[in-house]
PDB file of N, CA and C in Angstrom:
ATOM      1  N   UNK A   1     150.515 104.757  76.137  1.00  0.00           N
ATOM      2  CA  UNK A   1     149.498 105.714  75.773  1.00  0.00           C
ATOM      3  C   UNK A   1     148.206 105.007  75.383  1.00  0.00           C
ATOM      4  N   UNK A   2     148.357 103.952  74.573  1.00  0.00           N
ATOM      5  CA  UNK A   2     147.187 103.215  74.113  1.00  0.00           C
ATOM      6  C   UNK A   2     146.450 102.568  75.297  1.00  0.00           C
ATOM      7  N   UNK A   3     147.195 102.069  76.277  1.00  0.00           N
ATOM      8  CA  UNK A   3     146.623 101.452  77.457  1.00  0.00           C
ATOM      9  C   UNK A   3     145.870 102.483  78.290  1.00  0.00           C
ATOM     10  N   UNK A   4     146.389 103.695  78.360  1.00  0.00           N
ATOM     11  CA  UNK A   4     145.724 104.764  79.108  1.00  0.00           C
ATOM     12  C   UNK A   4     144.395 105.137  78.459  1.00  0.00           C
ATOM     13  N   UNK A   5     144.339 105.172  77.143  1.00  0.00           N
ATOM     14  CA  UNK A   5     143.100 105.499  76.434  1.00  0.00           C
ATOM     15  C   UNK A   5     142.049 104.413  76.682  1.00  0.00           C
ATOM     16  N   UNK A   6     142.476 103.155  76.644  1.00  0.00           N
ATOM     17  CA  UNK A   6     141.545 102.048  76.914  1.00  0.00           C
ATOM     18  C   UNK A   6     141.037 102.115  78.351  1.00  0.00           C
ATOM     19  N   UNK A   7     141.907 102.424  79.285  1.00  0.00           N
ATOM     20  CA  UNK A   7     141.503 102.522  80.694  1.00  0.00           C
ATOM     21  C   UNK A   7     140.538 103.681  80.887  1.00  0.00           C
ATOM     22  N   UNK A   8     140.811 104.799  80.233  1.00  0.00           N
ATOM     23  CA  UNK A   8     139.930 105.958  80.317  1.00  0.00           C
ATOM     24  C   UNK A   8     138.570 105.641  79.696  1.00  0.00           C
ATOM     25  N   UNK A   9     138.552 104.972  78.570  1.00  0.00           N
ATOM     26  CA  UNK A   9     137.296 104.595  77.909  1.00  0.00           C
ATOM     27  C   UNK A   9     136.496 103.646  78.795  1.00  0.00           C
ATOM     28  N   UNK A  10     137.155 102.691  79.409  1.00  0.00           N
ATOM     29  CA  UNK A  10     136.473 101.753  80.302  1.00  0.00           C
ATOM     30  C   UNK A  10     135.875 102.478  81.505  1.00  0.00           C
ATOM     31  N   UNK A  11     136.642 103.416  82.046  1.00  0.00           N
ATOM     32  CA  UNK A  11     136.150 104.183  83.199  1.00  0.00           C
ATOM     33  C   UNK A  11     134.931 105.019  82.813  1.00  0.00           C
ATOM     34  N   UNK A  12     134.942 105.610  81.636  1.00  0.00           N
ATOM     35  CA  UNK A  12     133.803 106.401  81.167  1.00  0.00           C
ATOM     36  C   UNK A  12     132.564 105.522  80.964  1.00  0.00           C
ATOM     37  N   UNK A  13     132.760 104.330  80.467  1.00  0.00           N
ATOM     38  CA  UNK A  13     131.630 103.410  80.274  1.00  0.00           C
ATOM     39  C   UNK A  13     131.033 103.031  81.631  1.00  0.00           C
ATOM     40  N   UNK A  14     131.884 102.735  82.599  1.00  0.00           N
ATOM     41  CA  UNK A  14     131.405 102.388  83.939  1.00  0.00           C
ATOM     42  C   UNK A  14     130.621 103.556  84.541  1.00  0.00           C
ATOM     43  N   UNK A  15     131.136 104.762  84.407  1.00  0.00           N
ATOM     44  CA  UNK A  15     130.440 105.943  84.931  1.00  0.00           C
ATOM     45  C   UNK A  15     129.096 106.152  84.242  1.00  0.00           C
ATOM     46  N   UNK A  16     129.041 105.938  82.939  1.00  0.00           N
ATOM     47  CA  UNK A  16     127.787 106.092  82.200  1.00  0.00           C
ATOM     48  C   UNK A  16     126.753 105.071  82.670  1.00  0.00           C
ATOM     49  N   UNK A  17     127.177 103.837  82.870  1.00  0.00           N
ATOM     50  CA  UNK A  17     126.258 102.792  83.352  1.00  0.00           C
ATOM     51  C   UNK A  17     125.741 103.141  84.738  1.00  0.00           C
ATOM     52  N   UNK A  18     126.626 103.598  85.616  1.00  0.00           N
ATOM     53  CA  UNK A  18     126.201 103.991  86.961  1.00  0.00           C
ATOM     54  C   UNK A  18     125.229 105.164  86.923  1.00  0.00           C
ATOM     55  N   UNK A  19     125.460 106.121  86.055  1.00  0.00           N
ATOM     56  CA  UNK A  19     124.568 107.276  85.935  1.00  0.00           C
ATOM     57  C   UNK A  19     123.176 106.840  85.479  1.00  0.00           C
ATOM     58  N   UNK A  20     123.103 105.915  84.554  1.00  0.00           N
ATOM     59  CA  UNK A  20     121.808 105.414  84.076  1.00  0.00           C
ATOM     60  C   UNK A  20     121.100 104.670  85.194  1.00  0.00           C
ATOM     61  N   UNK A  21     121.821 103.834  85.937  1.00  0.00           N
ATOM     62  CA  UNK A  21     121.215 103.085  87.045  1.00  0.00           C
ATOM     63  C   UNK A  21     120.644 104.017  88.087  1.00  0.00           C
ATOM     64  N   UNK A  22     121.347 105.092  88.420  1.00  0.00           N
ATOM     65  CA  UNK A  22     120.873 106.042  89.414  1.00  0.00           C
ATOM     66  C   UNK A  22     119.625 106.758  88.904  1.00  0.00           C
ATOM     67  N   UNK A  23     119.580 107.105  87.633  1.00  0.00           N
ATOM     68  CA  UNK A  23     118.443 107.860  87.105  1.00  0.00           C
ATOM     69  C   UNK A  23     117.170 107.036  87.023  1.00  0.00           C
ATOM     70  N   UNK A  24     117.263 105.706  86.912  1.00  0.00           N
ATOM     71  CA  UNK A  24     116.062 104.885  86.839  1.00  0.00           C
ATOM     72  C   UNK A  24     115.761 104.184  88.166  1.00  0.00           C
ATOM     73  N   UNK A  25     116.497 104.496  89.196  1.00  0.00           N
ATOM     74  CA  UNK A  25     116.239 103.861  90.482  1.00  0.00           C
ATOM     75  C   UNK A  25     114.976 104.433  91.114  1.00  0.00           C
ATOM     76  N   UNK A  26     114.476 103.739  92.102  1.00  0.00           N
ATOM     77  CA  UNK A  26     113.243 104.125  92.768  1.00  0.00           C
ATOM     78  C   UNK A  26     113.418 105.429  93.534  1.00  0.00           C
ATOM     79  N   UNK A  27     112.338 106.211  93.576  1.00  0.00           N
ATOM     80  CA  UNK A  27     112.334 107.469  94.300  1.00  0.00           C
ATOM     81  C   UNK A  27     111.505 107.307  95.574  1.00  0.00           C
ATOM     82  N   UNK A  28     112.132 107.442  96.751  1.00  0.00           N
ATOM     83  CA  UNK A  28     111.369 107.309  97.990  1.00  0.00           C
ATOM     84  C   UNK A  28     110.414 108.481  98.174  1.00  0.00           C
ATOM     85  N   UNK A  29     109.286 108.213  98.812  1.00  0.00           N
ATOM     86  CA  UNK A  29     108.326 109.279  99.056  1.00  0.00           C
ATOM     87  C   UNK A  29     107.235 108.826 100.005  1.00  0.00           C
ATOM     88  N   UNK A  30     106.374 109.779 100.360  1.00  0.00           N
ATOM     89  CA  UNK A  30     105.206 109.521 101.188  1.00  0.00           C
ATOM     90  C   UNK A  30     104.019 110.210 100.546  1.00  0.00           C
ATOM     91  N   UNK A  31     102.903 109.487 100.463  1.00  0.00           N
ATOM     92  CA  UNK A  31     101.708 109.985  99.787  1.00  0.00           C
ATOM     93  C   UNK A  31     100.477 109.714 100.638  1.00  0.00           C
ATOM     94  N   UNK A  32      99.437 110.511 100.438  1.00  0.00           N
ATOM     95  CA  UNK A  32      98.144 110.312 101.092  1.00  0.00           C
ATOM     96  C   UNK A  32      97.184 109.716 100.073  1.00  0.00           C
ATOM     97  N   UNK A  33      96.372 108.779 100.524  1.00  0.00           N
ATOM     98  CA  UNK A  33      95.396 108.178  99.634  1.00  0.00           C
ATOM     99  C   UNK A  33      94.761 106.960 100.263  1.00  0.00           C
ATOM    100  N   UNK A  34      94.282 106.041  99.412  1.00  0.00           N
ATOM    101  CA  UNK A  34      93.605 104.838  99.892  1.00  0.00           C
ATOM    102  C   UNK A  34      94.219 103.585  99.292  1.00  0.00           C
ATOM    103  N   UNK A  35      94.247 102.539 100.109  1.00  0.00           N
ATOM    104  CA  UNK A  35      94.571 101.214  99.603  1.00  0.00           C
ATOM    105  C   UNK A  35      93.276 100.665  99.015  1.00  0.00           C
ATOM    106  N   UNK A  36      93.327 100.216  97.793  1.00  0.00           N
ATOM    107  CA  UNK A  36      92.156  99.665  97.128  1.00  0.00           C
ATOM    108  C   UNK A  36      92.565  98.371  96.435  1.00  0.00           C
ATOM    109  N   UNK A  37      91.748  97.936  95.511  1.00  0.00           N
ATOM    110  CA  UNK A  37      92.062  96.748  94.723  1.00  0.00           C
ATOM    111  C   UNK A  37      92.053  97.134  93.251  1.00  0.00           C
ATOM    112  N   UNK A  38      92.784  96.388  92.437  1.00  0.00           N
ATOM    113  CA  UNK A  38      92.933  96.726  91.020  1.00  0.00           C
ATOM    114  C   UNK A  38      91.607  96.686  90.267  1.00  0.00           C
ATOM    115  N   UNK A  39      90.703  95.798  90.648  1.00  0.00           N
ATOM    116  CA  UNK A  39      89.440  95.689  89.935  1.00  0.00           C
ATOM    117  C   UNK A  39      88.575  96.942  90.142  1.00  0.00           C
ATOM    118  N   UNK A  40      88.493  97.421  91.364  1.00  0.00           N
ATOM    119  CA  UNK A  40      87.669  98.601  91.651  1.00  0.00           C
ATOM    120  C   UNK A  40      88.449  99.902  91.482  1.00  0.00           C
ATOM    121  N   UNK A  41      89.765  99.830  91.563  1.00  0.00           N
ATOM    122  CA  UNK A  41      90.653 100.977  91.364  1.00  0.00           C
ATOM    123  C   UNK A  41      90.246 102.198  92.183  1.00  0.00           C
ATOM    124  N   UNK A  42      89.853 101.963  93.427  1.00  0.00           N
ATOM    125  CA  UNK A  42      89.527 103.072  94.319  1.00  0.00           C
ATOM    126  C   UNK A  42      88.107 103.571  94.207  1.00  0.00           C
ATOM    127  N   UNK A  43      87.315 103.032  93.285  1.00  0.00           N
ATOM    128  CA  UNK A  43      85.943 103.494  93.088  1.00  0.00           C
ATOM    129  C   UNK A  43      84.972 102.472  93.675  1.00  0.00           C
ATOM    130  N   UNK A  44      84.533 102.744  94.892  1.00  0.00           N
ATOM    131  CA  UNK A  44      83.605 101.840  95.574  1.00  0.00           C
ATOM    132  C   UNK A  44      82.243 102.506  95.773  1.00  0.00           C
ATOM    133  N   UNK A  45      81.900 103.485  94.965  1.00  0.00           N
ATOM    134  CA  UNK A  45      80.645 104.213  95.139  1.00  0.00           C
ATOM    135  C   UNK A  45      79.425 103.302  95.063  1.00  0.00           C
ATOM    136  N   UNK A  46      79.478 102.309  94.182  1.00  0.00           N
ATOM    137  CA  UNK A  46      78.320 101.424  94.056  1.00  0.00           C
ATOM    138  C   UNK A  46      78.158 100.509  95.270  1.00  0.00           C
ATOM    139  N   UNK A  47      79.188 100.412  96.101  1.00  0.00           N
ATOM    140  CA  UNK A  47      79.103  99.622  97.334  1.00  0.00           C
ATOM    141  C   UNK A  47      78.695 100.470  98.523  1.00  0.00           C
ATOM    142  N   UNK A  48      78.419 101.725  98.306  1.00  0.00           N
ATOM    143  CA  UNK A  48      78.009 102.611  99.387  1.00  0.00           C
ATOM    144  C   UNK A  48      79.053 103.639  99.754  1.00  0.00           C
ATOM    145  N   UNK A  49      80.320 103.372  99.413  1.00  0.00           N
ATOM    146  CA  UNK A  49      81.378 104.360  99.604  1.00  0.00           C
ATOM    147  C   UNK A  49      81.794 104.628 101.034  1.00  0.00           C
ATOM    148  N   UNK A  50      81.371 103.812 101.995  1.00  0.00           N
ATOM    149  CA  UNK A  50      81.828 104.024 103.368  1.00  0.00           C
ATOM    150  C   UNK A  50      83.160 103.311 103.552  1.00  0.00           C
ATOM    151  N   UNK A  51      83.900 103.719 104.561  1.00  0.00           N
ATOM    152  CA  UNK A  51      85.213 103.120 104.797  1.00  0.00           C
ATOM    153  C   UNK A  51      85.094 101.612 105.047  1.00  0.00           C
ATOM    154  N   UNK A  52      84.094 101.198 105.806  1.00  0.00           N
ATOM    155  CA  UNK A  52      83.913  99.774 106.095  1.00  0.00           C
ATOM    156  C   UNK A  52      83.575  99.007 104.829  1.00  0.00           C
ATOM    157  N   UNK A  53      82.693  99.544 104.003  1.00  0.00           N
ATOM    158  CA  UNK A  53      82.323  98.862 102.756  1.00  0.00           C
ATOM    159  C   UNK A  53      83.489  98.849 101.776  1.00  0.00           C
ATOM    160  N   UNK A  54      84.262  99.947 101.724  1.00  0.00           N
ATOM    161  CA  UNK A  54      85.461  99.989 100.873  1.00  0.00           C
ATOM    162  C   UNK A  54      86.457  98.911 101.313  1.00  0.00           C
ATOM    163  N   UNK A  55      86.637  98.801 102.618  1.00  0.00           N
ATOM    164  CA  UNK A  55      87.560  97.800 103.161  1.00  0.00           C
ATOM    165  C   UNK A  55      87.108  96.393 102.773  1.00  0.00           C
ATOM    166  N   UNK A  56      85.855  96.093 103.039  1.00  0.00           N
ATOM    167  CA  UNK A  56      85.336  94.748 102.759  1.00  0.00           C
ATOM    168  C   UNK A  56      85.436  94.404 101.281  1.00  0.00           C
ATOM    169  N   UNK A  57      85.115  95.355 100.413  1.00  0.00           N
ATOM    170  CA  UNK A  57      85.175  95.127  98.971  1.00  0.00           C
ATOM    171  C   UNK A  57      86.617  94.883  98.519  1.00  0.00           C
ATOM    172  N   UNK A  58      87.543  95.724  98.976  1.00  0.00           N
ATOM    173  CA  UNK A  58      88.946  95.582  98.573  1.00  0.00           C
ATOM    174  C   UNK A  58      89.532  94.254  99.023  1.00  0.00           C
ATOM    175  N   UNK A  59      89.248  93.863 100.248  1.00  0.00           N
ATOM    176  CA  UNK A  59      89.764  92.592 100.771  1.00  0.00           C
ATOM    177  C   UNK A  59      89.158  91.428  99.992  1.00  0.00           C
ATOM    178  N   UNK A  60      87.857  91.490  99.745  1.00  0.00           N
ATOM    179  CA  UNK A  60      87.184  90.412  98.999  1.00  0.00           C
ATOM    180  C   UNK A  60      87.776  90.286  97.593  1.00  0.00           C
ATOM    181  N   UNK A  61      87.975  91.410  96.919  1.00  0.00           N
ATOM    182  CA  UNK A  61      88.545  91.373  95.568  1.00  0.00           C
ATOM    183  C   UNK A  61      89.980  90.853  95.589  1.00  0.00           C
ATOM    184  N   UNK A  62      90.772  91.288  96.585  1.00  0.00           N
ATOM    185  CA  UNK A  62      92.163  90.838  96.685  1.00  0.00           C
ATOM    186  C   UNK A  62      92.227  89.334  96.957  1.00  0.00           C
ATOM    187  N   UNK A  63      91.343  88.847  97.794  1.00  0.00           N
ATOM    188  CA  UNK A  63      91.319  87.404  98.077  1.00  0.00           C
ATOM    189  C   UNK A  63      90.823  86.622  96.864  1.00  0.00           C
ATOM    190  N   UNK A  64      90.089  87.307  95.980  1.00  0.00           N
ATOM    191  CA  UNK A  64      89.584  86.671  94.770  1.00  0.00           C
ATOM    192  C   UNK A  64      90.559  86.736  93.601  1.00  0.00           C
ATOM    193  N   UNK A  65      91.743  87.299  93.836  1.00  0.00           N
ATOM    194  CA  UNK A  65      92.763  87.316  92.786  1.00  0.00           C
ATOM    195  C   UNK A  65      93.176  88.689  92.299  1.00  0.00           C
ATOM    196  N   UNK A  66      92.430  89.725  92.644  1.00  0.00           N
ATOM    197  CA  UNK A  66      92.813  91.084  92.272  1.00  0.00           C
ATOM    198  C   UNK A  66      93.969  91.522  93.182  1.00  0.00           C
ATOM    199  N   UNK A  67      94.795  92.432  92.718  1.00  0.00           N
ATOM    200  CA  UNK A  67      95.904  92.909  93.541  1.00  0.00           C
ATOM    201  C   UNK A  67      95.535  94.209  94.236  1.00  0.00           C
ATOM    202  N   UNK A  68      96.207  94.458  95.371  1.00  0.00           N
ATOM    203  CA  UNK A  68      96.038  95.742  96.043  1.00  0.00           C
ATOM    204  C   UNK A  68      96.728  96.825  95.225  1.00  0.00           C
ATOM    205  N   UNK A  69      96.128  98.015  95.233  1.00  0.00           N
ATOM    206  CA  UNK A  69      96.689  99.188  94.565  1.00  0.00           C
ATOM    207  C   UNK A  69      96.589 100.371  95.523  1.00  0.00           C
ATOM    208  N   UNK A  70      97.242 101.466  95.150  1.00  0.00           N
ATOM    209  CA  UNK A  70      97.182 102.691  95.942  1.00  0.00           C
ATOM    210  C   UNK A  70      96.572 103.792  95.095  1.00  0.00           C
ATOM    211  N   UNK A  71      95.479 104.386  95.580  1.00  0.00           N
ATOM    212  CA  UNK A  71      94.822 105.512  94.913  1.00  0.00           C
ATOM    213  C   UNK A  71      95.343 106.791  95.555  1.00  0.00           C
ATOM    214  N   UNK A  72      96.194 107.513  94.831  1.00  0.00           N
ATOM    215  CA  UNK A  72      96.862 108.710  95.343  1.00  0.00           C
ATOM    216  C   UNK A  72      95.920 109.914  95.310  1.00  0.00           C
ATOM    217  N   UNK A  73      95.781 110.596  96.460  1.00  0.00           N
ATOM    218  CA  UNK A  73      94.929 111.786  96.537  1.00  0.00           C
ATOM    219  C   UNK A  73      95.443 112.916  95.653  1.00  0.00           C
ATOM    220  N   UNK A  74      96.761 113.129  95.645  1.00  0.00           N
ATOM    221  CA  UNK A  74      97.337 114.306  94.992  1.00  0.00           C
ATOM    222  C   UNK A  74      97.162 114.308  93.482  1.00  0.00           C
ATOM    223  N   UNK A  75      97.519 113.218  92.812  1.00  0.00           N
ATOM    224  CA  UNK A  75      97.450 113.214  91.344  1.00  0.00           C
ATOM    225  C   UNK A  75      96.314 112.350  90.796  1.00  0.00           C
ATOM    226  N   UNK A  76      95.528 111.776  91.706  1.00  0.00           N
ATOM    227  CA  UNK A  76      94.360 110.949  91.329  1.00  0.00           C
ATOM    228  C   UNK A  76      94.740 109.729  90.502  1.00  0.00           C
ATOM    229  N   UNK A  77      96.008 109.313  90.563  1.00  0.00           N
ATOM    230  CA  UNK A  77      96.455 108.133  89.828  1.00  0.00           C
ATOM    231  C   UNK A  77      96.359 106.898  90.708  1.00  0.00           C
ATOM    232  N   UNK A  78      96.261 105.764  90.036  1.00  0.00           N
ATOM    233  CA  UNK A  78      96.275 104.471  90.708  1.00  0.00           C
ATOM    234  C   UNK A  78      97.661 103.864  90.488  1.00  0.00           C
ATOM    235  N   UNK A  79      98.320 103.504  91.581  1.00  0.00           N
ATOM    236  CA  UNK A  79      99.651 102.920  91.516  1.00  0.00           C
ATOM    237  C   UNK A  79      99.596 101.454  91.933  1.00  0.00           C
ATOM    238  N   UNK A  80     100.292 100.608  91.205  1.00  0.00           N
ATOM    239  CA  UNK A  80     100.410  99.205  91.567  1.00  0.00           C
ATOM    240  C   UNK A  80     101.295  99.099  92.803  1.00  0.00           C
ATOM    241  N   UNK A  81     101.074  98.069  93.583  1.00  0.00           N
ATOM    242  CA  UNK A  81     101.898  97.821  94.758  1.00  0.00           C
ATOM    243  C   UNK A  81     102.746  96.587  94.472  1.00  0.00           C
ATOM    244  N   UNK A  82     104.058  96.773  94.500  1.00  0.00           N
ATOM    245  CA  UNK A  82     104.989  95.697  94.154  1.00  0.00           C
ATOM    246  C   UNK A  82     104.993  94.566  95.168  1.00  0.00           C
ATOM    247  N   UNK A  83     104.950  94.910  96.439  1.00  0.00           N
ATOM    248  CA  UNK A  83     105.052  93.907  97.496  1.00  0.00           C
ATOM    249  C   UNK A  83     103.666  93.626  98.086  1.00  0.00           C
ATOM    250  N   UNK A  84     102.920  92.765  97.408  1.00  0.00           N
ATOM    251  CA  UNK A  84     101.541  92.440  97.774  1.00  0.00           C
ATOM    252  C   UNK A  84     101.399  91.767  99.142  1.00  0.00           C
ATOM    253  N   UNK A  85     102.464  91.238  99.668  1.00  0.00           N
ATOM    254  CA  UNK A  85     102.415  90.572 100.978  1.00  0.00           C
ATOM    255  C   UNK A  85     102.779  91.520 102.121  1.00  0.00           C
ATOM    256  N   UNK A  86     102.917  92.823 101.833  1.00  0.00           N
ATOM    257  CA  UNK A  86     103.305  93.779 102.865  1.00  0.00           C
ATOM    258  C   UNK A  86     102.272  93.779 103.992  1.00  0.00           C
ATOM    259  N   UNK A  87     102.774  93.693 105.221  1.00  0.00           N
ATOM    260  CA  UNK A  87     101.898  93.709 106.391  1.00  0.00           C
ATOM    261  C   UNK A  87     101.143  95.041 106.422  1.00  0.00           C
ATOM    262  N   UNK A  88      99.860  94.976 106.579  1.00  0.00           N
ATOM    263  CA  UNK A  88      99.065  96.199 106.684  1.00  0.00           C
ATOM    264  C   UNK A  88      98.200  96.472 105.476  1.00  0.00           C
ATOM    265  N   UNK A  89      98.478  95.846 104.339  1.00  0.00           N
ATOM    266  CA  UNK A  89      97.643  96.091 103.160  1.00  0.00           C
ATOM    267  C   UNK A  89      96.206  95.660 103.423  1.00  0.00           C
ATOM    268  N   UNK A  90      96.018  94.446 103.907  1.00  0.00           N
ATOM    269  CA  UNK A  90      94.654  93.974 104.177  1.00  0.00           C
ATOM    270  C   UNK A  90      94.024  94.775 105.314  1.00  0.00           C
ATOM    271  N   UNK A  91      94.774  95.027 106.362  1.00  0.00           N
ATOM    272  CA  UNK A  91      94.259  95.770 107.510  1.00  0.00           C
ATOM    273  C   UNK A  91      93.777  97.158 107.112  1.00  0.00           C
ATOM    274  N   UNK A  92      94.538  97.832 106.252  1.00  0.00           N
ATOM    275  CA  UNK A  92      94.233  99.222 105.896  1.00  0.00           C
ATOM    276  C   UNK A  92      93.502  99.382 104.559  1.00  0.00           C
ATOM    277  N   UNK A  93      93.109  98.283 103.952  1.00  0.00           N
ATOM    278  CA  UNK A  93      92.359  98.375 102.695  1.00  0.00           C
ATOM    279  C   UNK A  93      91.107  99.215 102.921  1.00  0.00           C
ATOM    280  N   UNK A  94      90.877 100.158 102.024  1.00  0.00           N
ATOM    281  CA  UNK A  94      89.714 101.032 102.125  1.00  0.00           C
ATOM    282  C   UNK A  94      89.897 102.233 103.033  1.00  0.00           C
ATOM    283  N   UNK A  95      90.966 102.257 103.797  1.00  0.00           N
ATOM    284  CA  UNK A  95      91.223 103.374 104.712  1.00  0.00           C
ATOM    285  C   UNK A  95      91.973 104.501 104.010  1.00  0.00           C
ATOM    286  N   UNK A  96      91.737 105.708 104.476  1.00  0.00           N
ATOM    287  CA  UNK A  96      92.526 106.856 104.029  1.00  0.00           C
ATOM    288  C   UNK A  96      93.797 106.839 104.872  1.00  0.00           C
ATOM    289  N   UNK A  97      94.947 106.672 104.215  1.00  0.00           N
ATOM    290  CA  UNK A  97      96.203 106.446 104.930  1.00  0.00           C
ATOM    291  C   UNK A  97      97.336 107.289 104.359  1.00  0.00           C
ATOM    292  N   UNK A  98      98.446 107.270 105.072  1.00  0.00           N
ATOM    293  CA  UNK A  98      99.715 107.813 104.604  1.00  0.00           C
ATOM    294  C   UNK A  98     100.573 106.611 104.247  1.00  0.00           C
ATOM    295  N   UNK A  99     101.027 106.560 103.011  1.00  0.00           N
ATOM    296  CA  UNK A  99     101.810 105.423 102.519  1.00  0.00           C
ATOM    297  C   UNK A  99     103.201 105.905 102.152  1.00  0.00           C
ATOM    298  N   UNK A 100     104.206 105.228 102.668  1.00  0.00           N
ATOM    299  CA  UNK A 100     105.601 105.537 102.326  1.00  0.00           C
ATOM    300  C   UNK A 100     106.170 104.366 101.551  1.00  0.00           C
ATOM    301  N   UNK A 101     107.071 104.686 100.634  1.00  0.00           N
ATOM    302  CA  UNK A 101     107.703 103.625  99.860  1.00  0.00           C
ATOM    303  C   UNK A 101     108.581 104.182  98.774  1.00  0.00           C
ATOM    304  N   UNK A 102     108.952 103.296  97.865  1.00  0.00           N
ATOM    305  CA  UNK A 102     109.811 103.654  96.744  1.00  0.00           C
ATOM    306  C   UNK A 102     108.993 103.563  95.464  1.00  0.00           C
ATOM    307  N   UNK A 103     108.900 104.681  94.757  1.00  0.00           N
ATOM    308  CA  UNK A 103     108.134 104.767  93.514  1.00  0.00           C
ATOM    309  C   UNK A 103     109.065 104.563  92.324  1.00  0.00           C
ATOM    310  N   UNK A 104     108.679 103.637  91.453  1.00  0.00           N
ATOM    311  CA  UNK A 104     109.412 103.422  90.212  1.00  0.00           C
ATOM    312  C   UNK A 104     108.373 103.209  89.123  1.00  0.00           C
ATOM    313  N   UNK A 105     108.254 104.201  88.256  1.00  0.00           N
ATOM    314  CA  UNK A 105     107.238 104.148  87.204  1.00  0.00           C
ATOM    315  C   UNK A 105     105.854 104.237  87.813  1.00  0.00           C
ATOM    316  N   UNK A 106     105.033 103.195  87.592  1.00  0.00           N
ATOM    317  CA  UNK A 106     103.676 103.181  88.148  1.00  0.00           C
ATOM    318  C   UNK A 106     103.555 102.188  89.307  1.00  0.00           C
ATOM    319  N   UNK A 107     104.697 101.806  89.905  1.00  0.00           N
ATOM    320  CA  UNK A 107     104.695 100.840  90.999  1.00  0.00           C
ATOM    321  C   UNK A 107     105.351 101.420  92.247  1.00  0.00           C
ATOM    322  N   UNK A 108     104.741 101.110  93.380  1.00  0.00           N
ATOM    323  CA  UNK A 108     105.302 101.516  94.661  1.00  0.00           C
ATOM    324  C   UNK A 108     105.650 100.257  95.447  1.00  0.00           C
ATOM    325  N   UNK A 109     106.865 100.230  95.982  1.00  0.00           N
ATOM    326  CA  UNK A 109     107.244  99.198  96.932  1.00  0.00           C
ATOM    327  C   UNK A 109     107.022  99.817  98.302  1.00  0.00           C
ATOM    328  N   UNK A 110     106.013  99.340  99.006  1.00  0.00           N
ATOM    329  CA  UNK A 110     105.587  99.934 100.273  1.00  0.00           C
ATOM    330  C   UNK A 110     106.592  99.618 101.373  1.00  0.00           C
ATOM    331  N   UNK A 111     106.923 100.652 102.158  1.00  0.00           N
ATOM    332  CA  UNK A 111     107.794 100.463 103.317  1.00  0.00           C
ATOM    333  C   UNK A 111     107.068 100.786 104.625  1.00  0.00           C
ATOM    334  N   UNK A 112     105.954 101.546 104.533  1.00  0.00           N
ATOM    335  CA  UNK A 112     105.254 101.948 105.754  1.00  0.00           C
ATOM    336  C   UNK A 112     103.836 102.410 105.403  1.00  0.00           C
ATOM    337  N   UNK A 113     102.882 102.034 106.251  1.00  0.00           N
ATOM    338  CA  UNK A 113     101.496 102.500 106.133  1.00  0.00           C
ATOM    339  C   UNK A 113     101.088 103.023 107.506  1.00  0.00           C
ATOM    340  N   UNK A 114     100.534 104.247 107.520  1.00  0.00           N
ATOM    341  CA  UNK A 114     100.086 104.845 108.788  1.00  0.00           C
ATOM    342  C   UNK A 114      98.717 105.479 108.600  1.00  0.00           C
ATOM    343  N   UNK A 115      97.910 105.398 109.633  1.00  0.00           N
ATOM    344  CA  UNK A 115      96.669 106.148 109.663  1.00  0.00           C
ATOM    345  C   UNK A 115      97.038 107.595 109.968  1.00  0.00           C
ATOM    346  N   UNK A 116      96.366 108.562 109.328  1.00  0.00           N
ATOM    347  CA  UNK A 116      96.667 109.974 109.633  1.00  0.00           C
ATOM    348  C   UNK A 116      96.363 110.281 111.097  1.00  0.00           C
ATOM    349  N   UNK A 117      97.144 111.169 111.653  1.00  0.00           N
ATOM    350  CA  UNK A 117      96.933 111.567 113.041  1.00  0.00           C
ATOM    351  C   UNK A 117      95.680 112.419 113.151  1.00  0.00           C
ATOM    352  N   UNK A 118      94.890 112.190 114.190  1.00  0.00           N
ATOM    353  CA  UNK A 118      93.656 112.969 114.411  1.00  0.00           C
ATOM    354  C   UNK A 118      94.017 114.418 114.702  1.00  0.00           C
ATOM    355  N   UNK A 119      93.188 115.291 114.204  1.00  0.00           N
ATOM    356  CA  UNK A 119      93.445 116.737 114.406  1.00  0.00           C
ATOM    357  C   UNK A 119      92.749 117.248 115.622  1.00  0.00           C
TER     358      UNK A 119
END
């Protein structure tokens, strides 16, 4: 009987740990917005605000040590990008894009970047 109680308690602890891990795991999603740099945080108005100027500014800042970030259209928040070496960050910096990835807290691990389809 005592062994069964210990086994049951151990099983409950394992289940509780698994439940916590699942609740704090990353949430996959897709968002619309811009790739920017942490220093400018999506605000390139003083540079003229054109897509080309936004791109050039973001790339220059990133090469100067600032990290790429994602400025989300929907909630107007700036999200850190976990995988700074992701292919396409430099190419799409300053562009209005669709970004897919895993969101955990204020960080996104990017899995895909696409230009929106023309209407």
